[in-house]
Protein backbone atom coordinates (compact mmCIF):
# COMPACT_ATOMS: atom_id res chain seq x y z
CA UNK A 1 0.00 0.00 0.00
CA UNK A 2 2.92 2.33 0.75
CA UNK A 3 4.22 1.72 -2.77
CA UNK A 4 0.84 2.67 -4.21
CA UNK A 5 0.77 5.94 -2.27
CA UNK A 6 4.34 6.74 -3.32
CA UNK A 7 3.41 6.12 -6.96
CA UNK A 8 0.28 8.23 -6.63
CA UNK A 9 2.29 11.06 -5.05
CA UNK A 10 4.83 10.98 -7.87
CA UNK A 11 2.09 10.97 -10.49
CA UNK A 12 0.37 13.90 -8.80
CA UNK A 13 3.61 15.90 -8.96
CA UNK A 14 4.01 14.93 -12.62
CA UNK A 15 0.41 15.98 -13.24
CA UNK A 16 1.12 19.45 -11.91
CA UNK A 17 4.15 19.89 -14.17
CA UNK A 18 2.43 19.13 -17.47
CA UNK A 19 1.48 22.08 -19.62
CA UNK A 20 -2.13 22.55 -20.65
CA UNK A 21 -3.67 22.85 -24.07
CA UNK A 22 -4.64 26.25 -25.28
CA UNK A 23 -8.04 27.49 -24.16
CA UNK A 24 -9.43 26.65 -27.59
CA UNK A 25 -8.53 22.96 -27.18
CA UNK A 26 -11.44 21.78 -25.08
CA UNK A 27 -11.88 17.97 -25.12
CA UNK A 28 -15.64 18.40 -24.98
CA UNK A 29 -15.45 20.07 -28.42
CA UNK A 30 -12.63 18.17 -30.13
CA UNK A 31 -12.06 14.60 -31.23
CA UNK A 32 -8.29 14.82 -31.68
CA UNK A 33 -7.78 13.58 -28.12
CA UNK A 34 -8.94 10.13 -29.27
CA UNK A 35 -6.23 7.57 -29.93
CA UNK A 36 -3.64 5.44 -28.19
CA UNK A 37 -1.24 6.85 -25.64
CA UNK A 38 1.77 4.78 -24.49
CA UNK A 39 3.76 5.01 -21.29
CA UNK A 40 3.62 3.89 -17.68
CA UNK A 41 0.35 2.43 -16.35
CA UNK A 42 -0.71 0.71 -13.13
CA UNK A 43 -3.78 -0.49 -11.25
CA UNK A 44 -4.36 -1.26 -7.58
CA UNK A 45 -7.44 -2.84 -6.04
CA UNK A 46 -7.70 -2.96 -2.25
CA UNK A 47 -10.72 -5.30 -2.58
CA UNK A 48 -8.89 -8.06 -4.46
CA UNK A 49 -5.64 -9.43 -5.75
CA UNK A 50 -5.79 -8.23 -9.36
CA UNK A 51 -3.20 -5.44 -8.94
CA UNK A 52 -1.05 -4.58 -11.95
CA UNK A 53 2.29 -3.07 -10.97
CA UNK A 54 3.69 -0.03 -12.69
CA UNK A 55 5.06 -0.84 -16.13
CA UNK A 56 4.98 -0.02 -19.82
CA UNK A 57 1.48 -0.07 -21.24
CA UNK A 58 -1.04 1.70 -23.42
CA UNK A 59 -4.36 3.47 -22.98
CA UNK A 60 -6.77 3.87 -25.89
CA UNK A 61 -9.06 6.88 -25.56
CA UNK A 62 -12.45 6.88 -27.27
CA UNK A 63 -15.15 9.53 -27.17
CA UNK A 64 -18.88 9.42 -27.83
CA UNK A 65 -20.56 12.81 -27.40
CA UNK A 66 -19.13 14.24 -24.17
CA UNK A 67 -18.34 10.80 -22.69
CA UNK A 68 -14.81 9.38 -22.66
CA UNK A 69 -13.72 5.76 -22.28
CA UNK A 70 -10.17 4.76 -21.36
CA UNK A 71 -9.23 1.21 -22.42
CA UNK A 72 -6.06 -0.09 -20.76
CA UNK A 73 -3.92 -3.03 -21.83
CA UNK A 74 -2.00 -5.28 -19.39
CA UNK A 75 -5.28 -6.68 -17.94
CA UNK A 76 -6.09 -3.35 -16.30
CA UNK A 77 -9.87 -2.75 -16.16
CA UNK A 78 -11.19 0.04 -18.37
CA UNK A 79 -12.49 3.35 -17.09
CA UNK A 80 -15.76 4.01 -18.93
CA UNK A 81 -18.40 6.71 -18.99
CA UNK A 82 -16.31 9.66 -17.87
CA UNK A 83 -18.17 12.86 -18.77
CA UNK A 84 -16.49 16.13 -19.52
CA UNK A 85 -18.33 19.39 -19.58
CA UNK A 86 -17.42 22.31 -21.81
CA UNK A 87 -15.08 24.74 -20.14
CA UNK A 88 -13.00 22.20 -18.26
CA UNK A 89 -10.24 22.67 -20.87
CA UNK A 90 -8.08 19.58 -20.68
CA UNK A 91 -8.90 18.39 -17.16
CA UNK A 92 -11.69 16.03 -16.20
CA UNK A 93 -13.07 16.17 -12.67
CA UNK A 94 -15.30 13.54 -11.12
CA UNK A 95 -18.41 13.23 -9.03
CA UNK A 96 -18.27 12.82 -5.24
CA UNK A 97 -17.60 9.05 -5.21
CA UNK A 98 -14.40 9.33 -7.27
CA UNK A 99 -11.21 11.24 -6.66
CA UNK A 100 -8.32 12.31 -8.86
CA UNK A 101 -8.06 13.85 -12.26
CA UNK A 102 -7.47 13.03 -15.89
CA UNK A 103 -5.42 15.48 -17.91
CA UNK A 104 -5.41 15.01 -21.65
CA UNK A 105 -4.14 16.87 -24.68
CA UNK A 106 -3.12 15.84 -28.16
CA UNK A 107 0.30 14.65 -26.91
CA UNK A 108 -0.09 13.63 -23.25
CA UNK A 109 -2.45 11.64 -21.03
CA UNK A 110 -2.06 11.62 -17.24
CA UNK A 111 -4.56 9.65 -15.15
CA UNK A 112 -4.85 9.45 -11.39
CA UNK A 113 -8.31 8.04 -10.70
CA UNK A 114 -9.56 6.42 -7.48
CA UNK A 115 -12.99 5.00 -6.72
CA UNK A 116 -14.37 2.08 -4.68
CA UNK A 117 -10.93 1.02 -3.45
CA UNK A 118 -9.53 0.89 -6.99
CA UNK A 119 -6.80 3.17 -8.30
CA UNK A 120 -5.76 3.65 -11.93
CA UNK A 121 -2.71 5.62 -13.00
CA UNK A 122 -1.14 6.44 -16.34
CA UNK A 123 1.57 8.77 -17.53
CA UNK A 124 1.53 8.38 -21.31
CA UNK A 125 2.44 10.11 -24.54
CA UNK A 126 1.12 9.73 -28.06
C-alpha atoms as a PDB file:
ATOM      1  CA  UNK A   1       0.000   0.000   0.000  1.00  0.00           C
ATOM      2  CA  UNK A   2       2.918   2.329   0.746  1.00  0.00           C
ATOM      3  CA  UNK A   3       4.224   1.722  -2.772  1.00  0.00           C
ATOM      4  CA  UNK A   4       0.839   2.670  -4.213  1.00  0.00           C
ATOM      5  CA  UNK A   5       0.774   5.936  -2.271  1.00  0.00           C
ATOM      6  CA  UNK A   6       4.342   6.738  -3.324  1.00  0.00           C
ATOM      7  CA  UNK A   7       3.408   6.121  -6.958  1.00  0.00           C
ATOM      8  CA  UNK A   8       0.285   8.233  -6.627  1.00  0.00           C
ATOM      9  CA  UNK A   9       2.291  11.059  -5.052  1.00  0.00           C
ATOM     10  CA  UNK A  10       4.834  10.979  -7.873  1.00  0.00           C
ATOM     11  CA  UNK A  11       2.092  10.974 -10.494  1.00  0.00           C
ATOM     12  CA  UNK A  12       0.370  13.905  -8.801  1.00  0.00           C
ATOM     13  CA  UNK A  13       3.607  15.904  -8.958  1.00  0.00           C
ATOM     14  CA  UNK A  14       4.009  14.928 -12.621  1.00  0.00           C
ATOM     15  CA  UNK A  15       0.412  15.982 -13.236  1.00  0.00           C
ATOM     16  CA  UNK A  16       1.120  19.450 -11.908  1.00  0.00           C
ATOM     17  CA  UNK A  17       4.147  19.886 -14.173  1.00  0.00           C
ATOM     18  CA  UNK A  18       2.434  19.134 -17.474  1.00  0.00           C
ATOM     19  CA  UNK A  19       1.479  22.080 -19.620  1.00  0.00           C
ATOM     20  CA  UNK A  20      -2.127  22.551 -20.646  1.00  0.00           C
ATOM     21  CA  UNK A  21      -3.675  22.852 -24.073  1.00  0.00           C
ATOM     22  CA  UNK A  22      -4.643  26.252 -25.281  1.00  0.00           C
ATOM     23  CA  UNK A  23      -8.042  27.491 -24.158  1.00  0.00           C
ATOM     24  CA  UNK A  24      -9.427  26.649 -27.589  1.00  0.00           C
ATOM     25  CA  UNK A  25      -8.530  22.957 -27.183  1.00  0.00           C
ATOM     26  CA  UNK A  26     -11.439  21.784 -25.082  1.00  0.00           C
ATOM     27  CA  UNK A  27     -11.878  17.974 -25.119  1.00  0.00           C
ATOM     28  CA  UNK A  28     -15.642  18.396 -24.985  1.00  0.00           C
ATOM     29  CA  UNK A  29     -15.449  20.068 -28.422  1.00  0.00           C
ATOM     30  CA  UNK A  30     -12.628  18.170 -30.133  1.00  0.00           C
ATOM     31  CA  UNK A  31     -12.059  14.600 -31.235  1.00  0.00           C
ATOM     32  CA  UNK A  32      -8.288  14.819 -31.685  1.00  0.00           C
ATOM     33  CA  UNK A  33      -7.784  13.577 -28.115  1.00  0.00           C
ATOM     34  CA  UNK A  34      -8.939  10.132 -29.272  1.00  0.00           C
ATOM     35  CA  UNK A  35      -6.228   7.569 -29.931  1.00  0.00           C
ATOM     36  CA  UNK A  36      -3.642   5.438 -28.193  1.00  0.00           C
ATOM     37  CA  UNK A  37      -1.243   6.851 -25.639  1.00  0.00           C
ATOM     38  CA  UNK A  38       1.772   4.776 -24.486  1.00  0.00           C
ATOM     39  CA  UNK A  39       3.763   5.015 -21.292  1.00  0.00           C
ATOM     40  CA  UNK A  40       3.624   3.887 -17.680  1.00  0.00           C
ATOM     41  CA  UNK A  41       0.351   2.432 -16.353  1.00  0.00           C
ATOM     42  CA  UNK A  42      -0.708   0.713 -13.126  1.00  0.00           C
ATOM     43  CA  UNK A  43      -3.777  -0.488 -11.254  1.00  0.00           C
ATOM     44  CA  UNK A  44      -4.358  -1.260  -7.579  1.00  0.00           C
ATOM     45  CA  UNK A  45      -7.443  -2.842  -6.035  1.00  0.00           C
ATOM     46  CA  UNK A  46      -7.704  -2.959  -2.246  1.00  0.00           C
ATOM     47  CA  UNK A  47     -10.717  -5.298  -2.580  1.00  0.00           C
ATOM     48  CA  UNK A  48      -8.886  -8.064  -4.456  1.00  0.00           C
ATOM     49  CA  UNK A  49      -5.637  -9.429  -5.752  1.00  0.00           C
ATOM     50  CA  UNK A  50      -5.788  -8.226  -9.356  1.00  0.00           C
ATOM     51  CA  UNK A  51      -3.198  -5.438  -8.939  1.00  0.00           C
ATOM     52  CA  UNK A  52      -1.050  -4.577 -11.949  1.00  0.00           C
ATOM     53  CA  UNK A  53       2.289  -3.074 -10.974  1.00  0.00           C
ATOM     54  CA  UNK A  54       3.686  -0.025 -12.694  1.00  0.00           C
ATOM     55  CA  UNK A  55       5.064  -0.842 -16.130  1.00  0.00           C
ATOM     56  CA  UNK A  56       4.981  -0.021 -19.825  1.00  0.00           C
ATOM     57  CA  UNK A  57       1.478  -0.066 -21.242  1.00  0.00           C
ATOM     58  CA  UNK A  58      -1.039   1.699 -23.423  1.00  0.00           C
ATOM     59  CA  UNK A  59      -4.360   3.472 -22.985  1.00  0.00           C
ATOM     60  CA  UNK A  60      -6.774   3.867 -25.887  1.00  0.00           C
ATOM     61  CA  UNK A  61      -9.063   6.884 -25.564  1.00  0.00           C
ATOM     62  CA  UNK A  62     -12.452   6.880 -27.271  1.00  0.00           C
ATOM     63  CA  UNK A  63     -15.153   9.527 -27.172  1.00  0.00           C
ATOM     64  CA  UNK A  64     -18.880   9.418 -27.825  1.00  0.00           C
ATOM     65  CA  UNK A  65     -20.561  12.814 -27.399  1.00  0.00           C
ATOM     66  CA  UNK A  66     -19.126  14.235 -24.170  1.00  0.00           C
ATOM     67  CA  UNK A  67     -18.340  10.800 -22.688  1.00  0.00           C
ATOM     68  CA  UNK A  68     -14.813   9.376 -22.659  1.00  0.00           C
ATOM     69  CA  UNK A  69     -13.719   5.758 -22.282  1.00  0.00           C
ATOM     70  CA  UNK A  70     -10.168   4.757 -21.356  1.00  0.00           C
ATOM     71  CA  UNK A  71      -9.226   1.205 -22.416  1.00  0.00           C
ATOM     72  CA  UNK A  72      -6.057  -0.092 -20.765  1.00  0.00           C
ATOM     73  CA  UNK A  73      -3.924  -3.027 -21.835  1.00  0.00           C
ATOM     74  CA  UNK A  74      -2.003  -5.279 -19.391  1.00  0.00           C
ATOM     75  CA  UNK A  75      -5.277  -6.682 -17.944  1.00  0.00           C
ATOM     76  CA  UNK A  76      -6.092  -3.352 -16.299  1.00  0.00           C
ATOM     77  CA  UNK A  77      -9.867  -2.746 -16.165  1.00  0.00           C
ATOM     78  CA  UNK A  78     -11.186   0.040 -18.371  1.00  0.00           C
ATOM     79  CA  UNK A  79     -12.494   3.347 -17.094  1.00  0.00           C
ATOM     80  CA  UNK A  80     -15.755   4.013 -18.927  1.00  0.00           C
ATOM     81  CA  UNK A  81     -18.404   6.712 -18.990  1.00  0.00           C
ATOM     82  CA  UNK A  82     -16.307   9.662 -17.869  1.00  0.00           C
ATOM     83  CA  UNK A  83     -18.166  12.860 -18.770  1.00  0.00           C
ATOM     84  CA  UNK A  84     -16.487  16.135 -19.524  1.00  0.00           C
ATOM     85  CA  UNK A  85     -18.334  19.389 -19.581  1.00  0.00           C
ATOM     86  CA  UNK A  86     -17.423  22.310 -21.806  1.00  0.00           C
ATOM     87  CA  UNK A  87     -15.085  24.742 -20.139  1.00  0.00           C
ATOM     88  CA  UNK A  88     -12.995  22.198 -18.259  1.00  0.00           C
ATOM     89  CA  UNK A  89     -10.235  22.675 -20.872  1.00  0.00           C
ATOM     90  CA  UNK A  90      -8.076  19.576 -20.678  1.00  0.00           C
ATOM     91  CA  UNK A  91      -8.898  18.392 -17.160  1.00  0.00           C
ATOM     92  CA  UNK A  92     -11.687  16.032 -16.200  1.00  0.00           C
ATOM     93  CA  UNK A  93     -13.068  16.175 -12.671  1.00  0.00           C
ATOM     94  CA  UNK A  94     -15.299  13.538 -11.118  1.00  0.00           C
ATOM     95  CA  UNK A  95     -18.413  13.230  -9.033  1.00  0.00           C
ATOM     96  CA  UNK A  96     -18.273  12.817  -5.241  1.00  0.00           C
ATOM     97  CA  UNK A  97     -17.599   9.049  -5.207  1.00  0.00           C
ATOM     98  CA  UNK A  98     -14.400   9.325  -7.273  1.00  0.00           C
ATOM     99  CA  UNK A  99     -11.206  11.244  -6.662  1.00  0.00           C
ATOM    100  CA  UNK A 100      -8.324  12.314  -8.860  1.00  0.00           C
ATOM    101  CA  UNK A 101      -8.060  13.853 -12.264  1.00  0.00           C
ATOM    102  CA  UNK A 102      -7.466  13.032 -15.886  1.00  0.00           C
ATOM    103  CA  UNK A 103      -5.418  15.482 -17.910  1.00  0.00           C
ATOM    104  CA  UNK A 104      -5.408  15.008 -21.646  1.00  0.00           C
ATOM    105  CA  UNK A 105      -4.144  16.867 -24.681  1.00  0.00           C
ATOM    106  CA  UNK A 106      -3.122  15.840 -28.163  1.00  0.00           C
ATOM    107  CA  UNK A 107       0.300  14.649 -26.910  1.00  0.00           C
ATOM    108  CA  UNK A 108      -0.092  13.627 -23.246  1.00  0.00           C
ATOM    109  CA  UNK A 109      -2.449  11.641 -21.030  1.00  0.00           C
ATOM    110  CA  UNK A 110      -2.064  11.618 -17.240  1.00  0.00           C
ATOM    111  CA  UNK A 111      -4.559   9.652 -15.154  1.00  0.00           C
ATOM    112  CA  UNK A 112      -4.846   9.451 -11.389  1.00  0.00           C
ATOM    113  CA  UNK A 113      -8.311   8.042 -10.697  1.00  0.00           C
ATOM    114  CA  UNK A 114      -9.561   6.421  -7.480  1.00  0.00           C
ATOM    115  CA  UNK A 115     -12.994   4.999  -6.718  1.00  0.00           C
ATOM    116  CA  UNK A 116     -14.374   2.077  -4.683  1.00  0.00           C
ATOM    117  CA  UNK A 117     -10.928   1.016  -3.449  1.00  0.00           C
ATOM    118  CA  UNK A 118      -9.525   0.890  -6.986  1.00  0.00           C
ATOM    119  CA  UNK A 119      -6.796   3.167  -8.303  1.00  0.00           C
ATOM    120  CA  UNK A 120      -5.761   3.653 -11.928  1.00  0.00           C
ATOM    121  CA  UNK A 121      -2.710   5.618 -12.996  1.00  0.00           C
ATOM    122  CA  UNK A 122      -1.144   6.440 -16.342  1.00  0.00           C
ATOM    123  CA  UNK A 123       1.569   8.769 -17.526  1.00  0.00           C
ATOM    124  CA  UNK A 124       1.531   8.379 -21.306  1.00  0.00           C
ATOM    125  CA  UNK A 125       2.441  10.114 -24.544  1.00  0.00           C
ATOM    126  CA  UNK A 126       1.122   9.729 -28.059  1.00  0.00           C
END
